[in-house]
Protein backbone atom coordinates (compact mmCIF):
# COMPACT_ATOMS: atom_id res chain seq x y z
CA UNK A 1 0.01 0.02 0.03
CA UNK A 2 2.87 2.35 0.79
CA UNK A 3 4.46 1.57 -2.59
CA UNK A 4 1.20 2.39 -4.39
CA UNK A 5 0.78 5.62 -2.49
CA UNK A 6 4.41 6.61 -3.33
CA UNK A 7 3.95 5.79 -7.01
CA UNK A 8 0.73 7.81 -7.28
CA UNK A 9 2.40 10.71 -5.46
CA UNK A 10 5.38 10.64 -7.90
CA UNK A 11 3.08 10.59 -10.91
CA UNK A 12 1.11 13.50 -9.54
CA UNK A 13 4.20 15.62 -8.87
CA UNK A 14 5.66 14.80 -12.33
CA UNK A 15 2.39 15.76 -14.02
CA UNK A 16 2.27 19.05 -12.13
CA UNK A 17 5.81 19.87 -13.14
CA UNK A 18 5.01 19.14 -16.75
CA UNK A 19 1.90 21.31 -16.55
CA UNK A 20 3.86 24.20 -15.10
CA UNK A 21 6.63 23.86 -17.68
CA UNK A 22 4.11 23.88 -20.55
CA UNK A 23 2.12 26.81 -19.14
CA UNK A 24 5.30 28.82 -18.94
CA UNK A 25 5.44 28.80 -22.79
CA UNK A 26 2.56 31.34 -22.77
CA UNK A 27 3.93 33.72 -20.10
CA UNK A 28 6.82 36.08 -19.96
CA UNK A 29 9.76 36.08 -19.26
CA UNK A 30 10.67 33.31 -21.74
CA UNK A 31 14.58 33.14 -21.29
CA UNK A 32 15.42 32.75 -24.94
CA UNK A 33 19.17 32.94 -24.44
CA UNK A 34 19.01 30.04 -21.92
CA UNK A 35 16.85 28.03 -24.36
CA UNK A 36 19.37 28.62 -27.21
CA UNK A 37 22.21 27.67 -24.95
CA UNK A 38 20.59 24.40 -23.94
CA UNK A 39 19.77 23.62 -27.61
CA UNK A 40 23.44 24.02 -28.41
CA UNK A 41 24.54 21.81 -25.53
CA UNK A 42 21.98 19.15 -26.21
CA UNK A 43 21.95 19.18 -30.01
CA UNK A 44 25.50 20.01 -31.07
CA UNK A 45 27.08 18.17 -28.23
CA UNK A 46 25.12 15.00 -29.09
CA UNK A 47 25.91 14.93 -32.83
CA UNK A 48 29.06 12.71 -32.77
CA UNK A 49 27.53 9.93 -30.67
CA UNK A 50 24.33 10.02 -32.70
CA UNK A 51 26.25 9.81 -36.00
CA UNK A 52 28.22 6.82 -34.82
CA UNK A 53 25.10 5.08 -33.46
CA UNK A 54 23.16 5.63 -36.70
CA UNK A 55 26.04 4.62 -38.98
CA UNK A 56 26.85 1.33 -37.33
CA UNK A 57 23.19 0.51 -36.73
CA UNK A 58 22.53 0.82 -40.48
CA UNK A 59 25.63 -1.24 -41.24
CA UNK A 60 24.51 -4.00 -38.81
CA UNK A 61 21.00 -4.00 -40.33
CA UNK A 62 22.43 -4.53 -43.83
CA UNK A 63 24.84 -7.11 -42.62
CA UNK A 64 22.33 -9.19 -40.64
CA UNK A 65 19.58 -9.02 -43.18
CA UNK A 66 21.79 -10.26 -46.03
CA UNK A 67 21.52 -13.91 -45.10
CA UNK A 68 17.75 -13.93 -44.73
CA UNK A 69 17.21 -11.94 -47.95
CA UNK A 70 19.59 -14.22 -49.93
CA UNK A 71 17.38 -17.20 -48.92
CA UNK A 72 14.47 -15.59 -50.83
CA UNK A 73 16.59 -14.16 -53.57
CA UNK A 74 15.79 -10.59 -52.48
CA UNK A 75 19.13 -9.09 -51.67
CA UNK A 76 18.19 -6.15 -53.88
CA UNK A 77 15.66 -5.15 -51.10
CA UNK A 78 18.41 -4.48 -48.59
CA UNK A 79 17.99 -0.75 -49.02
CA UNK A 80 14.28 -0.93 -48.38
CA UNK A 81 14.74 -2.96 -45.16
CA UNK A 82 17.37 -0.66 -43.81
CA UNK A 83 15.47 2.51 -44.56
CA UNK A 84 12.05 1.35 -43.19
CA UNK A 85 13.71 -0.15 -40.08
CA UNK A 86 15.70 2.96 -39.37
CA UNK A 87 13.15 5.69 -40.08
CA UNK A 88 10.15 4.03 -38.44
CA UNK A 89 11.70 2.50 -35.38
CA UNK A 90 15.40 2.10 -34.73
CA UNK A 91 16.68 5.65 -35.35
CA UNK A 92 14.08 7.38 -33.08
CA UNK A 93 14.48 4.85 -30.22
CA UNK A 94 18.30 4.52 -30.31
CA UNK A 95 18.71 8.25 -30.58
CA UNK A 96 16.36 8.79 -27.63
CA UNK A 97 18.24 6.14 -25.55
CA UNK A 98 21.63 7.66 -26.35
CA UNK A 99 20.34 11.19 -25.56
CA UNK A 100 18.80 9.94 -22.32
CA UNK A 101 22.23 8.63 -21.24
CA UNK A 102 24.03 11.72 -22.19
CA UNK A 103 21.64 14.60 -21.77
CA UNK A 104 19.13 13.20 -19.21
CA UNK A 105 21.97 12.42 -16.75
CA UNK A 106 23.53 15.82 -17.39
CA UNK A 107 20.26 17.71 -16.68
CA UNK A 108 19.70 15.66 -13.51
CA UNK A 109 23.18 16.13 -12.23
CA UNK A 110 23.27 19.86 -12.98
CA UNK A 111 19.96 20.63 -11.30
CA UNK A 112 20.68 18.25 -8.50
CA UNK A 113 23.93 20.07 -7.77
CA UNK A 114 22.04 23.39 -7.76
CA UNK A 115 19.59 21.96 -5.33
CA UNK A 116 22.09 20.61 -2.78
CA UNK A 117 24.16 23.91 -2.99
CA UNK A 118 20.99 25.80 -2.32
CA UNK A 119 21.11 27.83 -5.57
CA UNK A 120 17.48 26.97 -6.29
CA UNK A 121 16.44 28.41 -2.90
CA UNK A 122 18.43 31.56 -3.77
CA UNK A 123 16.66 31.92 -7.05
CA UNK A 124 13.30 31.75 -5.30
CA UNK A 125 14.46 34.35 -2.74
CA UNK A 126 15.30 36.65 -5.62
CA UNK A 127 11.85 36.19 -7.10
CA UNK A 128 12.87 33.93 -9.99
CA UNK A 129 10.73 30.89 -10.82
CA UNK A 130 13.09 27.87 -11.12
CA UNK A 131 10.57 26.03 -13.24
CA UNK A 132 10.48 28.89 -15.80
CA UNK A 133 14.27 29.58 -15.66
CA UNK A 134 15.63 26.01 -15.61
CA UNK A 135 12.92 23.55 -16.60
CA UNK A 136 11.10 25.09 -19.57
CA UNK A 137 14.30 25.92 -21.58
CA UNK A 138 15.49 22.40 -21.16
CA UNK A 139 12.14 20.91 -22.13
CA UNK A 140 12.05 23.06 -25.32
CA UNK A 141 15.60 22.18 -26.18
CA UNK A 142 15.22 18.45 -25.88
CA UNK A 143 11.86 18.42 -27.65
CA UNK A 144 13.11 20.46 -30.65
CA UNK A 145 16.59 19.01 -30.96
CA UNK A 146 15.76 15.22 -30.77
CA UNK A 147 13.93 15.18 -34.08
CA UNK A 148 16.92 16.80 -35.77
CA UNK A 149 19.23 14.34 -34.20
CA UNK A 150 17.04 11.51 -35.37
CA UNK A 151 17.20 12.85 -38.96
CA UNK A 152 21.01 12.73 -38.69
CA UNK A 153 20.85 9.20 -37.40
CA UNK A 154 18.56 8.26 -40.33
CA UNK A 155 20.94 9.78 -42.88
CA UNK A 156 24.13 8.20 -41.51
CA UNK A 157 22.35 4.90 -40.91
CA UNK A 158 21.47 4.72 -44.59
CA UNK A 159 25.08 5.57 -45.48
CA UNK A 160 26.32 2.83 -43.12
CA UNK A 161 23.87 0.32 -44.80
CA UNK A 162 25.02 1.51 -48.27
CA UNK A 163 28.72 0.99 -47.42
CA UNK A 164 28.09 -2.51 -46.14
CA UNK A 165 25.90 -3.37 -49.15
CA UNK A 166 28.51 -2.04 -51.58
CA UNK A 167 31.59 -3.71 -50.14
CA UNK A 168 30.21 -6.79 -48.51
CA UNK A 169 27.07 -7.66 -50.48
CA UNK A 170 28.37 -6.24 -53.73
CA UNK A 171 25.07 -4.43 -54.28
CA UNK A 172 24.86 -1.75 -56.94
CA UNK A 173 24.86 1.77 -55.45
CA UNK A 174 21.92 3.15 -57.50
CA UNK A 175 19.88 0.04 -56.78
CA UNK A 176 20.43 0.44 -52.96
CA UNK A 177 19.47 4.13 -52.92
CA UNK A 178 16.56 3.73 -55.29
CA UNK A 179 14.96 0.91 -53.14
CA UNK A 180 15.80 2.72 -49.92
CA UNK A 181 14.27 6.10 -50.82
CA UNK A 182 11.36 4.92 -52.90
CA UNK A 183 10.15 2.62 -50.22
CA UNK A 184 9.69 5.53 -47.84
CA UNK A 185 6.31 7.30 -47.72
CA UNK A 186 5.16 10.49 -46.15
CA UNK A 187 3.53 8.55 -43.23
CA UNK A 188 6.84 6.71 -42.57
CA UNK A 189 8.68 10.07 -42.27
CA UNK A 190 5.92 11.54 -40.19
CA UNK A 191 6.05 8.64 -37.77
CA UNK A 192 9.81 8.89 -37.54
CA UNK A 193 9.51 12.59 -36.51
CA UNK A 194 6.55 12.34 -34.14
CA UNK A 195 8.21 9.80 -31.92
CA UNK A 196 11.30 11.95 -31.20
CA UNK A 197 9.15 14.86 -30.17
CA UNK A 198 7.48 12.65 -27.58
CA UNK A 199 10.78 11.08 -26.49
CA UNK A 200 12.48 14.42 -26.25
CA UNK A 201 9.75 15.79 -23.89
CA UNK A 202 10.05 12.70 -21.75
CA UNK A 203 13.83 12.94 -21.49
CA UNK A 204 13.92 16.64 -20.69
CA UNK A 205 11.08 16.46 -18.08
CA UNK A 206 12.41 13.24 -16.34
CA UNK A 207 15.90 14.81 -16.07
CA UNK A 208 14.50 18.06 -14.55
CA UNK A 209 12.14 16.15 -12.25
CA UNK A 210 14.72 13.98 -10.65
CA UNK A 211 17.28 16.78 -10.60
CA UNK A 212 14.93 19.12 -8.70
CA UNK A 213 13.91 16.38 -6.21
CA UNK A 214 17.54 15.65 -5.26
CA UNK A 215 18.25 15.17 -1.54
CA UNK A 216 21.18 13.90 0.50
CA UNK A 217 24.10 15.97 -0.81
CA UNK A 218 26.53 14.67 -3.43
CA UNK A 219 25.46 11.07 -2.96
CA UNK A 220 21.87 12.20 -3.68
CA UNK A 221 23.07 13.83 -6.94
CA UNK A 222 24.50 10.46 -8.16
CA UNK A 223 21.29 8.70 -7.12
CA UNK A 224 19.12 11.20 -8.97
CA UNK A 225 21.26 10.90 -12.12
CA UNK A 226 20.91 7.11 -12.13
CA UNK A 227 17.12 7.34 -11.55
CA UNK A 228 16.74 9.87 -14.40
CA UNK A 229 18.57 7.76 -16.97
CA UNK A 230 16.88 4.46 -16.02
CA UNK A 231 13.36 6.06 -15.81
CA UNK A 232 13.74 7.97 -19.06
CA UNK A 233 14.96 4.89 -20.89
CA UNK A 234 12.13 2.77 -19.66
CA UNK A 235 9.51 5.44 -20.44
CA UNK A 236 10.97 5.93 -23.98
CA UNK A 237 10.46 2.20 -24.68
CA UNK A 238 6.93 2.25 -23.23
CA UNK A 239 6.00 5.45 -25.13
CA UNK A 240 7.39 3.90 -28.35
CA UNK A 241 4.86 1.12 -28.17
CA UNK A 242 1.91 3.33 -27.44
CA UNK A 243 2.84 5.96 -30.09
CA UNK A 244 3.35 3.20 -32.70
CA UNK A 245 0.03 1.69 -31.72
CA UNK A 246 -1.77 5.03 -32.10
CA UNK A 247 -0.11 5.79 -35.37
CA UNK A 248 -0.95 2.38 -36.84
CA UNK A 249 -4.57 2.73 -35.76
CA UNK A 250 -4.84 6.12 -37.42
CA UNK A 251 -3.08 4.91 -40.55
CA UNK A 252 -5.24 1.82 -41.05
């Protein structure tokens, strides 16, 4: 019973934080410089790891699918398999998980450090709303930058699949790119961009939530960081299922 009460309380507090962060979008001040700074940290700083993740994911997809496709005489469809798998599912999810590990932990540790050093209390004493100053800019940054990072993962994933197809499967370059690009539809691209928006919101808000609820000094900062990464990763996977289900229901 205590666990249930605690779980309901945590959901309630998280929902209230999300509501306040969203409502801040319609009220001044908006702290544009802080938002741009967070977009640079989250977006630009994550580009190398996202490129590597996308590139090798595309290469592995092409490599693993070759055997199955050869059994059906359909090696020429490698590009289609790589593009659909990446754009619809793998690139959004893997990008979100990588970002949760890098960005979610950073947000939680930064805000947690501010809590234990009483900087948050000082902001309140000076009349500054911590939610508006700290949470909303990070929420906007993660929500807007994750779709762009996902596009980068899609692109380099296709390049990785192409290189493997060219040098390992001996597949013609024009055949690979034609099947890869022609198999994609508007709905596929839309699905691949809706998911990162949801995932970015989850990562940003979870990192802020656990960071602001840090207690217990430096040990508490480490605990909050771990909780933020684990919770964000789990919620990303759960949200992926429900968003996919909703999109498929609307599509068909």
